[in-house]
Amino acid sequence: MVLEIDAPAPPGIGADLAGNVVGRVELTNVGKSVAARGRIAGEARLRCSRCLQGFGWPFEIGFVETCALCEIDAPVHYQAEEEDGEDPIPILDDEIVDLSELVRQLIAVELPYCPLCRPDCAGLCPRCGADLNLAPCGCEDESIDPRWAELKSLKQG
């Protein structure tokens, strides 16, 4: 069975999305579970961890996951029978295949821990808070901590 995805992001991802999550998933019965293989894509709206500016972070995630034909809201009713001991992701909501938990987990894992708007982001000035990506802030150099003053003479000498 092949499913096309074009839906809003499920709650709990950890970021807002600009538009829908789109993709294609192929479900294959492999005995007591279902193999889900496909790709999803979208764009997350993140905030840079250095300059605090919002930016778009496009993603495309390819995956192969094992899913359980069990109710999403009742995960205690299934037991993993795989050798590695991982619990497959439940994908049923009554009689409807619901891939929202699979999509949520895939996106949440891919989100960067410290998102950067660009690799060379200069961030904010620690003294005045100016965005150093736009221009130098003009703050004077800090006075040297007296504990490190001797090191400065070594460097200059």
Foldseek 3Di string as FASTA:
>chain_A
DKDWDAAAADPDLPFHFDHTKTWMWDWDDDDQWIKIWIKIWGWTWDAALFARDIDIDIDMDTDIFIAGQDAQVCQVPDADPDPVRDDHHHQDHPNDGHCNVVRSVRSSVPDDPRDHNDPPQPGADPPPRDRPVVHDDPDDDDDDDVVCVVVVVVVVD
